[in-house]
Amino acid sequence: VFIVAAKASPVFDITIKQDVVAQKLANVVGIIPGKSKKNEYVIFSGH
């Protein structure tokens, strides 16, 4: 929580109520497993 204020406060009591909306997104990803070094990765990407 960011609060714009002149200084920090040693004593405070704040209640915040909010609606939180979830939105779905997805990358698209495929792989070609390696042979001798399958746990080392080379990535080709674009958006």
PDB file of all heavy atoms in Angstrom:
ATOM      1  N   VAL A   1       0.852  -1.187   0.000  1.00  0.00           N
ATOM      2  CA  VAL A   1       0.000   0.000   0.000  1.00  0.00           C
ATOM      3  C   VAL A   1       0.886   1.235   0.000  1.00  0.00           C
ATOM      4  O   VAL A   1       1.704   1.433   0.911  1.00  0.00           O
ATOM      5  CB  VAL A   1      -0.936   0.022   1.222  1.00  0.00           C
ATOM      6  CG1 VAL A   1      -1.768   1.308   1.231  1.00  0.00           C
ATOM      7  CG2 VAL A   1      -1.845  -1.200   1.226  1.00  0.00           C
ATOM      8  N   PHE A   2       0.762   2.053  -1.055  1.00  0.00           N
ATOM      9  CA  PHE A   2       1.461   3.332  -1.107  1.00  0.00           C
ATOM     10  C   PHE A   2       0.520   4.412  -0.576  1.00  0.00           C
ATOM     11  O   PHE A   2      -0.649   4.470  -0.959  1.00  0.00           O
ATOM     12  CB  PHE A   2       1.862   3.681  -2.541  1.00  0.00           C
ATOM     13  CG  PHE A   2       2.907   2.769  -3.140  1.00  0.00           C
ATOM     14  CD1 PHE A   2       2.535   1.647  -3.864  1.00  0.00           C
ATOM     15  CD2 PHE A   2       4.260   3.040  -2.986  1.00  0.00           C
ATOM     16  CE1 PHE A   2       3.485   0.810  -4.428  1.00  0.00           C
ATOM     17  CE2 PHE A   2       5.222   2.210  -3.535  1.00  0.00           C
ATOM     18  CZ  PHE A   2       4.846   1.092  -4.258  1.00  0.00           C
ATOM     19  N   ILE A   3       1.049   5.268   0.281  1.00  0.00           N
ATOM     20  CA  ILE A   3       0.260   6.381   0.810  1.00  0.00           C
ATOM     21  C   ILE A   3       1.076   7.661   0.721  1.00  0.00           C
ATOM     22  O   ILE A   3       2.224   7.708   1.181  1.00  0.00           O
ATOM     23  CB  ILE A   3      -0.205   6.119   2.270  1.00  0.00           C
ATOM     24  CG1 ILE A   3      -0.993   7.314   2.800  1.00  0.00           C
ATOM     25  CG2 ILE A   3       0.961   5.781   3.182  1.00  0.00           C
ATOM     26  CD1 ILE A   3      -1.749   7.019   4.084  1.00  0.00           C
ATOM     27  N   VAL A   4       0.531   8.656   0.070  1.00  0.00           N
ATOM     28  CA  VAL A   4       1.210   9.939  -0.062  1.00  0.00           C
ATOM     29  C   VAL A   4       0.961  10.747   1.211  1.00  0.00           C
ATOM     30  O   VAL A   4      -0.181  11.060   1.554  1.00  0.00           O
ATOM     31  CB  VAL A   4       0.705  10.712  -1.297  1.00  0.00           C
ATOM     32  CG1 VAL A   4       1.375  12.090  -1.367  1.00  0.00           C
ATOM     33  CG2 VAL A   4       0.987   9.913  -2.562  1.00  0.00           C
ATOM     34  N   ALA A   5       2.038  11.055   1.920  1.00  0.00           N
ATOM     35  CA  ALA A   5       1.921  11.766   3.200  1.00  0.00           C
ATOM     36  C   ALA A   5       3.227  12.511   3.489  1.00  0.00           C
ATOM     37  O   ALA A   5       4.285  12.172   2.938  1.00  0.00           O
ATOM     38  CB  ALA A   5       1.615  10.789   4.330  1.00  0.00           C
ATOM     39  N   ALA A   6       3.130  13.501   4.363  1.00  0.00           N
ATOM     40  CA  ALA A   6       4.299  14.323   4.670  1.00  0.00           C
ATOM     41  C   ALA A   6       5.358  13.558   5.450  1.00  0.00           C
ATOM     42  O   ALA A   6       6.549  13.867   5.364  1.00  0.00           O
ATOM     43  CB  ALA A   6       3.866  15.568   5.452  1.00  0.00           C
ATOM     44  N   LYS A   7       4.921  12.552   6.222  1.00  0.00           N
ATOM     45  CA  LYS A   7       5.867  11.774   7.024  1.00  0.00           C
ATOM     46  C   LYS A   7       5.230  10.457   7.435  1.00  0.00           C
ATOM     47  O   LYS A   7       4.020  10.254   7.286  1.00  0.00           O
ATOM     48  CB  LYS A   7       6.282  12.561   8.263  1.00  0.00           C
ATOM     49  CG  LYS A   7       5.119  12.893   9.186  1.00  0.00           C
ATOM     50  CD  LYS A   7       5.582  13.695  10.412  1.00  0.00           C
ATOM     51  CE  LYS A   7       4.393  14.011  11.324  1.00  0.00           C
ATOM     52  NZ  LYS A   7       4.810  14.757  12.538  1.00  0.00           N
ATOM     53  N   ALA A   8       6.067   9.551   7.908  1.00  0.00           N
ATOM     54  CA  ALA A   8       5.567   8.279   8.411  1.00  0.00           C
ATOM     55  C   ALA A   8       4.822   8.492   9.719  1.00  0.00           C
ATOM     56  O   ALA A   8       5.055   9.478  10.430  1.00  0.00           O
ATOM     57  CB  ALA A   8       6.721   7.309   8.616  1.00  0.00           C
ATOM     58  N   SER A   9       3.920   7.586  10.021  1.00  0.00           N
ATOM     59  CA  SER A   9       3.123   7.700  11.234  1.00  0.00           C
ATOM     60  C   SER A   9       3.316   6.468  12.103  1.00  0.00           C
ATOM     61  O   SER A   9       3.122   5.340  11.628  1.00  0.00           O
ATOM     62  CB  SER A   9       1.640   7.854  10.880  1.00  0.00           C
ATOM     63  OG  SER A   9       0.855   7.916  12.052  1.00  0.00           O
ATOM     64  N   PRO A  10       3.713   6.634  13.370  1.00  0.00           N
ATOM     65  CA  PRO A  10       3.935   5.474  14.237  1.00  0.00           C
ATOM     66  C   PRO A  10       2.639   4.781  14.639  1.00  0.00           C
ATOM     67  O   PRO A  10       2.622   3.586  14.937  1.00  0.00           O
ATOM     68  CB  PRO A  10       4.641   6.064  15.452  1.00  0.00           C
ATOM     69  CG  PRO A  10       4.216   7.495  15.477  1.00  0.00           C
ATOM     70  CD  PRO A  10       4.037   7.911  14.054  1.00  0.00           C
ATOM     71  N   VAL A  11       1.549   5.510  14.628  1.00  0.00           N
ATOM     72  CA  VAL A  11       0.258   4.945  15.012  1.00  0.00           C
ATOM     73  C   VAL A  11      -0.759   5.289  13.914  1.00  0.00           C
ATOM     74  O   VAL A  11      -0.869   6.436  13.494  1.00  0.00           O
ATOM     75  CB  VAL A  11      -0.228   5.519  16.370  1.00  0.00           C
ATOM     76  CG1 VAL A  11      -1.585   4.930  16.721  1.00  0.00           C
ATOM     77  CG2 VAL A  11       0.795   5.248  17.465  1.00  0.00           C
ATOM     78  N   PHE A  12      -1.488   4.275  13.475  1.00  0.00           N
ATOM     79  CA  PHE A  12      -2.465   4.514  12.413  1.00  0.00           C
ATOM     80  C   PHE A  12      -3.495   3.392  12.441  1.00  0.00           C
ATOM     81  O   PHE A  12      -3.276   2.317  13.002  1.00  0.00           O
ATOM     82  CB  PHE A  12      -1.788   4.605  11.040  1.00  0.00           C
ATOM     83  CG  PHE A  12      -0.923   3.412  10.717  1.00  0.00           C
ATOM     84  CD1 PHE A  12      -1.431   2.309  10.032  1.00  0.00           C
ATOM     85  CD2 PHE A  12       0.409   3.374  11.104  1.00  0.00           C
ATOM     86  CE1 PHE A  12      -0.636   1.213   9.746  1.00  0.00           C
ATOM     87  CE2 PHE A  12       1.213   2.283  10.817  1.00  0.00           C
ATOM     88  CZ  PHE A  12       0.695   1.195  10.144  1.00  0.00           C
ATOM     89  N   ASP A  13      -4.617   3.658  11.810  1.00  0.00           N
ATOM     90  CA  ASP A  13      -5.696   2.672  11.724  1.00  0.00           C
ATOM     91  C   ASP A  13      -6.483   2.977  10.450  1.00  0.00           C
ATOM     92  O   ASP A  13      -7.217   3.960  10.384  1.00  0.00           O
ATOM     93  CB  ASP A  13      -6.590   2.753  12.954  1.00  0.00           C
ATOM     94  CG  ASP A  13      -7.539   1.569  13.048  1.00  0.00           C
ATOM     95  OD1 ASP A  13      -7.986   1.082  11.988  1.00  0.00           O
ATOM     96  OD2 ASP A  13      -7.829   1.112  14.163  1.00  0.00           O
ATOM     97  N   ILE A  14      -6.272   2.146   9.403  1.00  0.00           N
ATOM     98  CA  ILE A  14      -6.890   2.401   8.101  1.00  0.00           C
ATOM     99  C   ILE A  14      -7.609   1.134   7.632  1.00  0.00           C
ATOM    100  O   ILE A  14      -7.062   0.033   7.707  1.00  0.00           O
ATOM    101  CB  ILE A  14      -5.825   2.786   7.042  1.00  0.00           C
ATOM    102  CG1 ILE A  14      -4.990   3.988   7.506  1.00  0.00           C
ATOM    103  CG2 ILE A  14      -6.493   3.083   5.700  1.00  0.00           C
ATOM    104  CD1 ILE A  14      -3.782   4.261   6.618  1.00  0.00           C
ATOM    105  N   THR A  15      -8.824   1.282   7.145  1.00  0.00           N
ATOM    106  CA  THR A  15      -9.545   0.176   6.533  1.00  0.00           C
ATOM    107  C   THR A  15      -9.826   0.514   5.073  1.00  0.00           C
ATOM    108  O   THR A  15     -10.348   1.599   4.770  1.00  0.00           O
ATOM    109  CB  THR A  15     -10.866  -0.105   7.268  1.00  0.00           C
ATOM    110  OG1 THR A  15     -10.578  -0.464   8.624  1.00  0.00           O
ATOM    111  CG2 THR A  15     -11.622  -1.242   6.600  1.00  0.00           C
ATOM    112  N   ILE A  16      -9.455  -0.401   4.202  1.00  0.00           N
ATOM    113  CA  ILE A  16      -9.644  -0.207   2.756  1.00  0.00           C
ATOM    114  C   ILE A  16     -10.526  -1.333   2.239  1.00  0.00           C
ATOM    115  O   ILE A  16     -10.231  -2.513   2.445  1.00  0.00           O
ATOM    116  CB  ILE A  16      -8.298  -0.220   2.011  1.00  0.00           C
ATOM    117  CG1 ILE A  16      -7.349   0.851   2.574  1.00  0.00           C
ATOM    118  CG2 ILE A  16      -8.507  -0.026   0.507  1.00  0.00           C
ATOM    119  CD1 ILE A  16      -5.915   0.690   2.116  1.00  0.00           C
ATOM    120  N   LYS A  17     -11.613  -0.958   1.569  1.00  0.00           N
ATOM    121  CA  LYS A  17     -12.462  -1.943   0.915  1.00  0.00           C
ATOM    122  C   LYS A  17     -12.374  -1.736  -0.591  1.00  0.00           C
ATOM    123  O   LYS A  17     -12.452  -0.593  -1.073  1.00  0.00           O
ATOM    124  CB  LYS A  17     -13.912  -1.799   1.393  1.00  0.00           C
ATOM    125  CG  LYS A  17     -14.099  -2.079   2.889  1.00  0.00           C
ATOM    126  CD  LYS A  17     -15.556  -1.928   3.304  1.00  0.00           C
ATOM    127  CE  LYS A  17     -15.725  -2.203   4.796  1.00  0.00           C
ATOM    128  NZ  LYS A  17     -17.140  -2.046   5.235  1.00  0.00           N
ATOM    129  N   GLN A  18     -12.197  -2.840  -1.320  1.00  0.00           N
ATOM    130  CA  GLN A  18     -12.037  -2.718  -2.762  1.00  0.00           C
ATOM    131  C   GLN A  18     -12.662  -3.907  -3.490  1.00  0.00           C
ATOM    132  O   GLN A  18     -12.822  -4.986  -2.930  1.00  0.00           O
ATOM    133  CB  GLN A  18     -10.550  -2.599  -3.123  1.00  0.00           C
ATOM    134  CG  GLN A  18      -9.698  -3.782  -2.701  1.00  0.00           C
ATOM    135  CD  GLN A  18      -8.236  -3.632  -3.134  1.00  0.00           C
ATOM    136  OE1 GLN A  18      -7.805  -2.597  -3.630  1.00  0.00           O
ATOM    137  NE2 GLN A  18      -7.471  -4.687  -2.975  1.00  0.00           N
ATOM    138  N   ASP A  19     -13.022  -3.678  -4.735  1.00  0.00           N
ATOM    139  CA  ASP A  19     -13.409  -4.751  -5.631  1.00  0.00           C
ATOM    140  C   ASP A  19     -12.177  -5.137  -6.442  1.00  0.00           C
ATOM    141  O   ASP A  19     -11.472  -4.262  -6.957  1.00  0.00           O
ATOM    142  CB  ASP A  19     -14.526  -4.304  -6.587  1.00  0.00           C
ATOM    143  CG  ASP A  19     -15.853  -4.126  -5.877  1.00  0.00           C
ATOM    144  OD1 ASP A  19     -16.033  -4.724  -4.797  1.00  0.00           O
ATOM    145  OD2 ASP A  19     -16.703  -3.380  -6.395  1.00  0.00           O
ATOM    146  N   VAL A  20     -11.924  -6.427  -6.555  1.00  0.00           N
ATOM    147  CA  VAL A  20     -10.773  -6.911  -7.322  1.00  0.00           C
ATOM    148  C   VAL A  20     -11.284  -7.769  -8.471  1.00  0.00           C
ATOM    149  O   VAL A  20     -11.924  -8.801  -8.257  1.00  0.00           O
ATOM    150  CB  VAL A  20      -9.815  -7.728  -6.432  1.00  0.00           C
ATOM    151  CG1 VAL A  20      -8.594  -8.168  -7.242  1.00  0.00           C
ATOM    152  CG2 VAL A  20      -9.375  -6.898  -5.224  1.00  0.00           C
ATOM    153  N   VAL A  21     -11.017  -7.319  -9.663  1.00  0.00           N
ATOM    154  CA  VAL A  21     -11.491  -8.003 -10.870  1.00  0.00           C
ATOM    155  C   VAL A  21     -10.342  -8.801 -11.478  1.00  0.00           C
ATOM    156  O   VAL A  21      -9.250  -8.273 -11.684  1.00  0.00           O
ATOM    157  CB  VAL A  21     -12.027  -6.992 -11.904  1.00  0.00           C
ATOM    158  CG1 VAL A  21     -12.487  -7.708 -13.171  1.00  0.00           C
ATOM    159  CG2 VAL A  21     -13.168  -6.174 -11.297  1.00  0.00           C
ATOM    160  N   ALA A  22     -10.579 -10.083 -11.755  1.00  0.00           N
ATOM    161  CA  ALA A  22      -9.577 -10.937 -12.394  1.00  0.00           C
ATOM    162  C   ALA A  22      -9.837 -10.981 -13.895  1.00  0.00           C
ATOM    163  O   ALA A  22     -10.982 -11.178 -14.339  1.00  0.00           O
ATOM    164  CB  ALA A  22      -9.622 -12.348 -11.818  1.00  0.00           C
ATOM    165  N   GLN A  23      -8.787 -10.795 -14.680  1.00  0.00           N
ATOM    166  CA  GLN A  23      -8.884 -10.846 -16.135  1.00  0.00           C
ATOM    167  C   GLN A  23      -7.912 -11.900 -16.657  1.00  0.00           C
ATOM    168  O   GLN A  23      -6.772 -12.004 -16.201  1.00  0.00           O
ATOM    169  CB  GLN A  23      -8.556  -9.482 -16.744  1.00  0.00           C
ATOM    170  CG  GLN A  23      -9.556  -8.393 -16.362  1.00  0.00           C
ATOM    171  CD  GLN A  23      -9.145  -7.042 -16.919  1.00  0.00           C
ATOM    172  OE1 GLN A  23      -8.133  -6.492 -16.540  1.00  0.00           O
ATOM    173  NE2 GLN A  23      -9.947  -6.515 -17.834  1.00  0.00           N
ATOM    174  N   LYS A  24      -8.369 -12.667 -17.639  1.00  0.00           N
ATOM    175  CA  LYS A  24      -7.574 -13.790 -18.148  1.00  0.00           C
ATOM    176  C   LYS A  24      -6.762 -13.372 -19.378  1.00  0.00           C
ATOM    177  O   LYS A  24      -7.271 -12.701 -20.278  1.00  0.00           O
ATOM    178  CB  LYS A  24      -8.492 -14.964 -18.511  1.00  0.00           C
ATOM    179  CG  LYS A  24      -9.236 -15.537 -17.310  1.00  0.00           C
ATOM    180  CD  LYS A  24     -10.078 -16.731 -17.709  1.00  0.00           C
ATOM    181  CE  LYS A  24     -10.888 -17.258 -16.529  1.00  0.00           C
ATOM    182  NZ  LYS A  24     -10.023 -17.716 -15.425  1.00  0.00           N
ATOM    183  N   LEU A  25      -5.511 -13.797 -19.399  1.00  0.00           N
ATOM    184  CA  LEU A  25      -4.612 -13.586 -20.521  1.00  0.00           C
ATOM    185  C   LEU A  25      -3.903 -14.909 -20.827  1.00  0.00           C
ATOM    186  O   LEU A  25      -3.952 -15.842 -20.021  1.00  0.00           O
ATOM    187  CB  LEU A  25      -3.575 -12.510 -20.198  1.00  0.00           C
ATOM    188  CG  LEU A  25      -4.074 -11.068 -20.074  1.00  0.00           C
ATOM    189  CD1 LEU A  25      -2.987 -10.179 -19.473  1.00  0.00           C
ATOM    190  CD2 LEU A  25      -4.505 -10.531 -21.435  1.00  0.00           C
ATOM    191  N   ALA A  26      -3.219 -14.954 -21.960  1.00  0.00           N
ATOM    192  CA  ALA A  26      -2.471 -16.176 -22.281  1.00  0.00           C
ATOM    193  C   ALA A  26      -1.351 -15.877 -23.267  1.00  0.00           C
ATOM    194  O   ALA A  26      -1.568 -15.209 -24.289  1.00  0.00           O
ATOM    195  CB  ALA A  26      -3.387 -17.250 -22.865  1.00  0.00           C
ATOM    196  N   ASN A  27      -0.148 -16.352 -22.938  1.00  0.00           N
ATOM    197  CA  ASN A  27       0.912 -16.466 -23.928  1.00  0.00           C
ATOM    198  C   ASN A  27       0.647 -17.725 -24.747  1.00  0.00           C
ATOM    199  O   ASN A  27      -0.165 -18.573 -24.365  1.00  0.00           O
ATOM    200  CB  ASN A  27       2.272 -16.580 -23.248  1.00  0.00           C
ATOM    201  CG  ASN A  27       2.604 -15.378 -22.393  1.00  0.00           C
ATOM    202  OD1 ASN A  27       2.365 -14.241 -22.792  1.00  0.00           O
ATOM    203  ND2 ASN A  27       3.164 -15.611 -21.205  1.00  0.00           N
ATOM    204  N   VAL A  28       1.338 -17.867 -25.862  1.00  0.00           N
ATOM    205  CA  VAL A  28       1.288 -19.110 -26.629  1.00  0.00           C
ATOM    206  C   VAL A  28       2.717 -19.627 -26.730  1.00  0.00           C
ATOM    207  O   VAL A  28       3.594 -18.936 -27.250  1.00  0.00           O
ATOM    208  CB  VAL A  28       0.683 -18.909 -28.035  1.00  0.00           C
ATOM    209  CG1 VAL A  28       0.525 -20.253 -28.736  1.00  0.00           C
ATOM    210  CG2 VAL A  28      -0.670 -18.199 -27.941  1.00  0.00           C
ATOM    211  N   VAL A  29       2.948 -20.847 -26.198  1.00  0.00           N
ATOM    212  CA  VAL A  29       4.320 -21.345 -26.012  1.00  0.00           C
ATOM    213  C   VAL A  29       4.407 -22.804 -26.456  1.00  0.00           C
ATOM    214  O   VAL A  29       3.551 -23.627 -26.120  1.00  0.00           O
ATOM    215  CB  VAL A  29       4.746 -21.243 -24.529  1.00  0.00           C
ATOM    216  CG1 VAL A  29       6.210 -21.657 -24.360  1.00  0.00           C
ATOM    217  CG2 VAL A  29       4.531 -19.832 -23.998  1.00  0.00           C
ATOM    218  N   GLY A  30       5.461 -23.118 -27.189  1.00  0.00           N
ATOM    219  CA  GLY A  30       5.769 -24.498 -27.562  1.00  0.00           C
ATOM    220  C   GLY A  30       7.261 -24.744 -27.425  1.00  0.00           C
ATOM    221  O   GLY A  30       8.052 -23.802 -27.379  1.00  0.00           O
ATOM    222  N   ILE A  31       7.642 -26.017 -27.337  1.00  0.00           N
ATOM    223  CA  ILE A  31       9.056 -26.338 -27.129  1.00  0.00           C
ATOM    224  C   ILE A  31       9.501 -27.482 -28.038  1.00  0.00           C
ATOM    225  O   ILE A  31       8.697 -28.275 -28.514  1.00  0.00           O
ATOM    226  CB  ILE A  31       9.358 -26.707 -25.662  1.00  0.00           C
ATOM    227  CG1 ILE A  31       8.649 -28.019 -25.273  1.00  0.00           C
ATOM    228  CG2 ILE A  31       8.962 -25.591 -24.712  1.00  0.00           C
ATOM    229  CD1 ILE A  31       9.054 -28.543 -23.898  1.00  0.00           C
ATOM    230  N   ILE A  32      10.814 -27.525 -28.263  1.00  0.00           N
ATOM    231  CA  ILE A  32      11.474 -28.687 -28.851  1.00  0.00           C
ATOM    232  C   ILE A  32      12.476 -29.168 -27.805  1.00  0.00           C
ATOM    233  O   ILE A  32      13.481 -28.499 -27.558  1.00  0.00           O
ATOM    234  CB  ILE A  32      12.219 -28.345 -30.151  1.00  0.00           C
ATOM    235  CG1 ILE A  32      11.285 -27.699 -31.166  1.00  0.00           C
ATOM    236  CG2 ILE A  32      12.847 -29.615 -30.752  1.00  0.00           C
ATOM    237  CD1 ILE A  32      11.996 -27.207 -32.420  1.00  0.00           C
ATOM    238  N   PRO A  33      12.209 -30.289 -27.131  1.00  0.00           N
ATOM    239  CA  PRO A  33      13.121 -30.756 -26.085  1.00  0.00           C
ATOM    240  C   PRO A  33      14.523 -30.998 -26.635  1.00  0.00           C
ATOM    241  O   PRO A  33      14.708 -31.463 -27.762  1.00  0.00           O
ATOM    242  CB  PRO A  33      12.473 -32.069 -25.620  1.00  0.00           C
ATOM    243  CG  PRO A  33      11.031 -31.926 -25.988  1.00  0.00           C
ATOM    244  CD  PRO A  33      11.019 -31.148 -27.267  1.00  0.00           C
ATOM    245  N   GLY A  34      15.511 -30.644 -25.811  1.00  0.00           N
ATOM    246  CA  GLY A  34      16.884 -30.855 -26.208  1.00  0.00           C
ATOM    247  C   GLY A  34      17.317 -32.300 -26.027  1.00  0.00           C
ATOM    248  O   GLY A  34      16.621 -33.104 -25.414  1.00  0.00           O
ATOM    249  N   LYS A  35      18.471 -32.617 -26.545  1.00  0.00           N
ATOM    250  CA  LYS A  35      18.997 -33.977 -26.459  1.00  0.00           C
ATOM    251  C   LYS A  35      19.910 -34.112 -25.235  1.00  0.00           C
ATOM    252  O   LYS A  35      19.491 -34.585 -24.190  1.00  0.00           O
ATOM    253  CB  LYS A  35      19.725 -34.323 -27.757  1.00  0.00           C
ATOM    254  CG  LYS A  35      18.817 -34.245 -28.992  1.00  0.00           C
ATOM    255  CD  LYS A  35      19.552 -34.672 -30.235  1.00  0.00           C
ATOM    256  CE  LYS A  35      18.736 -34.445 -31.495  1.00  0.00           C
ATOM    257  NZ  LYS A  35      17.347 -34.864 -31.454  1.00  0.00           N
ATOM    258  N   SER A  36      21.142 -33.672 -25.322  1.00  0.00           N
ATOM    259  CA  SER A  36      22.091 -33.871 -24.221  1.00  0.00           C
ATOM    260  C   SER A  36      21.992 -32.795 -23.142  1.00  0.00           C
ATOM    261  O   SER A  36      22.481 -32.990 -22.035  1.00  0.00           O
ATOM    262  CB  SER A  36      23.524 -33.916 -24.772  1.00  0.00           C
ATOM    263  OG  SER A  36      23.863 -32.672 -25.374  1.00  0.00           O
ATOM    264  N   LYS A  37      21.358 -31.651 -23.462  1.00  0.00           N
ATOM    265  CA  LYS A  37      21.275 -30.542 -22.505  1.00  0.00           C
ATOM    266  C   LYS A  37      19.833 -30.044 -22.416  1.00  0.00           C
ATOM    267  O   LYS A  37      19.552 -28.858 -22.554  1.00  0.00           O
ATOM    268  CB  LYS A  37      22.210 -29.402 -22.926  1.00  0.00           C
ATOM    269  CG  LYS A  37      23.680 -29.818 -22.988  1.00  0.00           C
ATOM    270  CD  LYS A  37      24.596 -28.649 -23.324  1.00  0.00           C
ATOM    271  CE  LYS A  37      26.058 -29.084 -23.305  1.00  0.00           C
ATOM    272  NZ  LYS A  37      26.983 -27.965 -23.528  1.00  0.00           N
ATOM    273  N   LYS A  38      18.935 -30.970 -22.121  1.00  0.00           N
ATOM    274  CA  LYS A  38      17.512 -30.643 -22.165  1.00  0.00           C
ATOM    275  C   LYS A  38      17.084 -29.674 -21.068  1.00  0.00           C
ATOM    276  O   LYS A  38      16.016 -29.060 -21.168  1.00  0.00           O
ATOM    277  CB  LYS A  38      16.677 -31.917 -22.091  1.00  0.00           C
ATOM    278  CG  LYS A  38      16.806 -32.694 -20.784  1.00  0.00           C
ATOM    279  CD  LYS A  38      15.933 -33.940 -20.819  1.00  0.00           C
ATOM    280  CE  LYS A  38      16.032 -34.726 -19.512  1.00  0.00           C
ATOM    281  NZ  LYS A  38      15.175 -35.933 -19.542  1.00  0.00           N
ATOM    282  N   ASN A  39      17.893 -29.528 -20.018  1.00  0.00           N
ATOM    283  CA  ASN A  39      17.548 -28.606 -18.932  1.00  0.00           C
ATOM    284  C   ASN A  39      18.208 -27.240 -19.105  1.00  0.00           C
ATOM    285  O   ASN A  39      18.229 -26.434 -18.184  1.00  0.00           O
ATOM    286  CB  ASN A  39      17.933 -29.212 -17.584  1.00  0.00           C
ATOM    287  CG  ASN A  39      17.090 -30.434 -17.255  1.00  0.00           C
ATOM    288  OD1 ASN A  39      15.893 -30.474 -17.543  1.00  0.00           O
ATOM    289  ND2 ASN A  39      17.707 -31.442 -16.677  1.00  0.00           N
ATOM    290  N   GLU A  40      18.769 -27.002 -20.286  1.00  0.00           N
ATOM    291  CA  GLU A  40      19.274 -25.687 -20.654  1.00  0.00           C
ATOM    292  C   GLU A  40      18.398 -25.165 -21.784  1.00  0.00           C
ATOM    293  O   GLU A  40      18.089 -25.895 -22.727  1.00  0.00           O
ATOM    294  CB  GLU A  40      20.736 -25.767 -21.088  1.00  0.00           C
ATOM    295  CG  GLU A  40      21.674 -26.193 -19.967  1.00  0.00           C
ATOM    296  CD  GLU A  40      23.131 -26.221 -20.405  1.00  0.00           C
ATOM    297  OE1 GLU A  40      23.424 -25.860 -21.574  1.00  0.00           O
ATOM    298  OE2 GLU A  40      23.991 -26.600 -19.583  1.00  0.00           O
ATOM    299  N   TYR A  41      18.003 -23.885 -21.689  1.00  0.00           N
ATOM    300  CA  TYR A  41      16.979 -23.372 -22.593  1.00  0.00           C
ATOM    301  C   TYR A  41      17.498 -22.218 -23.454  1.00  0.00           C
ATOM    302  O   TYR A  41      18.246 -21.358 -22.989  1.00  0.00           O
ATOM    303  CB  TYR A  41      15.767 -22.886 -21.791  1.00  0.00           C
ATOM    304  CG  TYR A  41      15.157 -23.965 -20.929  1.00  0.00           C
ATOM    305  CD1 TYR A  41      15.521 -24.118 -19.589  1.00  0.00           C
ATOM    306  CD2 TYR A  41      14.235 -24.859 -21.466  1.00  0.00           C
ATOM    307  CE1 TYR A  41      14.981 -25.124 -18.807  1.00  0.00           C
ATOM    308  CE2 TYR A  41      13.679 -25.865 -20.689  1.00  0.00           C
ATOM    309  CZ  TYR A  41      14.061 -25.991 -19.362  1.00  0.00           C
ATOM    310  OH  TYR A  41      13.522 -26.996 -18.597  1.00  0.00           O
ATOM    311  N   VAL A  42      17.043 -22.221 -24.711  1.00  0.00           N
ATOM    312  CA  VAL A  42      17.240 -21.097 -25.620  1.00  0.00           C
ATOM    313  C   VAL A  42      15.849 -20.652 -26.063  1.00  0.00           C
ATOM    314  O   VAL A  42      15.040 -21.473 -26.515  1.00  0.00           O
ATOM    315  CB  VAL A  42      18.090 -21.485 -26.846  1.00  0.00           C
ATOM    316  CG1 VAL A  42      18.227 -20.295 -27.794  1.00  0.00           C
ATOM    317  CG2 VAL A  42      19.464 -21.980 -26.406  1.00  0.00           C
ATOM    318  N   ILE A  43      15.563 -19.372 -25.915  1.00  0.00           N
ATOM    319  CA  ILE A  43      14.213 -18.858 -26.148  1.00  0.00           C
ATOM    320  C   ILE A  43      14.183 -17.963 -27.387  1.00  0.00           C
ATOM    321  O   ILE A  43      15.029 -17.081 -27.551  1.00  0.00           O
ATOM    322  CB  ILE A  43      13.722 -18.048 -24.932  1.00  0.00           C
ATOM    323  CG1 ILE A  43      13.639 -18.950 -23.687  1.00  0.00           C
ATOM    324  CG2 ILE A  43      12.359 -17.408 -25.211  1.00  0.00           C
ATOM    325  CD1 ILE A  43      13.457 -18.179 -22.391  1.00  0.00           C
ATOM    326  N   PHE A  44      13.187 -18.209 -28.249  1.00  0.00           N
ATOM    327  CA  PHE A  44      12.862 -17.300 -29.344  1.00  0.00           C
ATOM    328  C   PHE A  44      11.482 -16.723 -29.042  1.00  0.00           C
ATOM    329  O   PHE A  44      10.531 -17.479 -28.792  1.00  0.00           O
ATOM    330  CB  PHE A  44      12.836 -18.041 -30.686  1.00  0.00           C
ATOM    331  CG  PHE A  44      14.177 -18.521 -31.153  1.00  0.00           C
ATOM    332  CD1 PHE A  44      14.599 -19.810 -30.863  1.00  0.00           C
ATOM    333  CD2 PHE A  44      15.030 -17.690 -31.865  1.00  0.00           C
ATOM    334  CE1 PHE A  44      15.832 -20.268 -31.282  1.00  0.00           C
ATOM    335  CE2 PHE A  44      16.269 -18.125 -32.282  1.00  0.00           C
ATOM    336  CZ  PHE A  44      16.682 -19.419 -31.996  1.00  0.00           C
ATOM    337  N   SER A  45      11.354 -15.426 -29.084  1.00  0.00           N
ATOM    338  CA  SER A  45      10.092 -14.816 -28.666  1.00  0.00           C
ATOM    339  C   SER A  45       9.736 -13.589 -29.482  1.00  0.00           C
ATOM    340  O   SER A  45      10.576 -12.965 -30.133  1.00  0.00           O
ATOM    341  CB  SER A  45      10.165 -14.431 -27.179  1.00  0.00           C
ATOM    342  OG  SER A  45      11.143 -13.412 -26.974  1.00  0.00           O
ATOM    343  N   GLY A  46       8.459 -13.247 -29.423  1.00  0.00           N
ATOM    344  CA  GLY A  46       7.920 -12.013 -29.969  1.00  0.00           C
ATOM    345  C   GLY A  46       6.550 -11.814 -29.345  1.00  0.00           C
ATOM    346  O   GLY A  46       5.978 -12.758 -28.802  1.00  0.00           O
ATOM    347  N   HIS A  47       6.005 -10.615 -29.401  1.00  0.00           N
ATOM    348  CA  HIS A  47       4.665 -10.432 -28.811  1.00  0.00           C
ATOM    349  C   HIS A  47       3.616 -10.388 -29.916  1.00  0.00           C
ATOM    350  O   HIS A  47       3.845  -9.845 -30.991  1.00  0.00           O
ATOM    351  CB  HIS A  47       4.610  -9.190 -27.913  1.00  0.00           C
ATOM    352  CG  HIS A  47       4.685  -7.864 -28.609  1.00  0.00           C
ATOM    353  ND1 HIS A  47       3.568  -7.201 -29.065  1.00  0.00           N
ATOM    354  CD2 HIS A  47       5.735  -7.059 -28.912  1.00  0.00           C
ATOM    355  CE1 HIS A  47       3.922  -6.040 -29.607  1.00  0.00           C
ATOM    356  NE2 HIS A  47       5.235  -5.932 -29.542  1.00  0.00           N
TER     357      HIS A  47
END
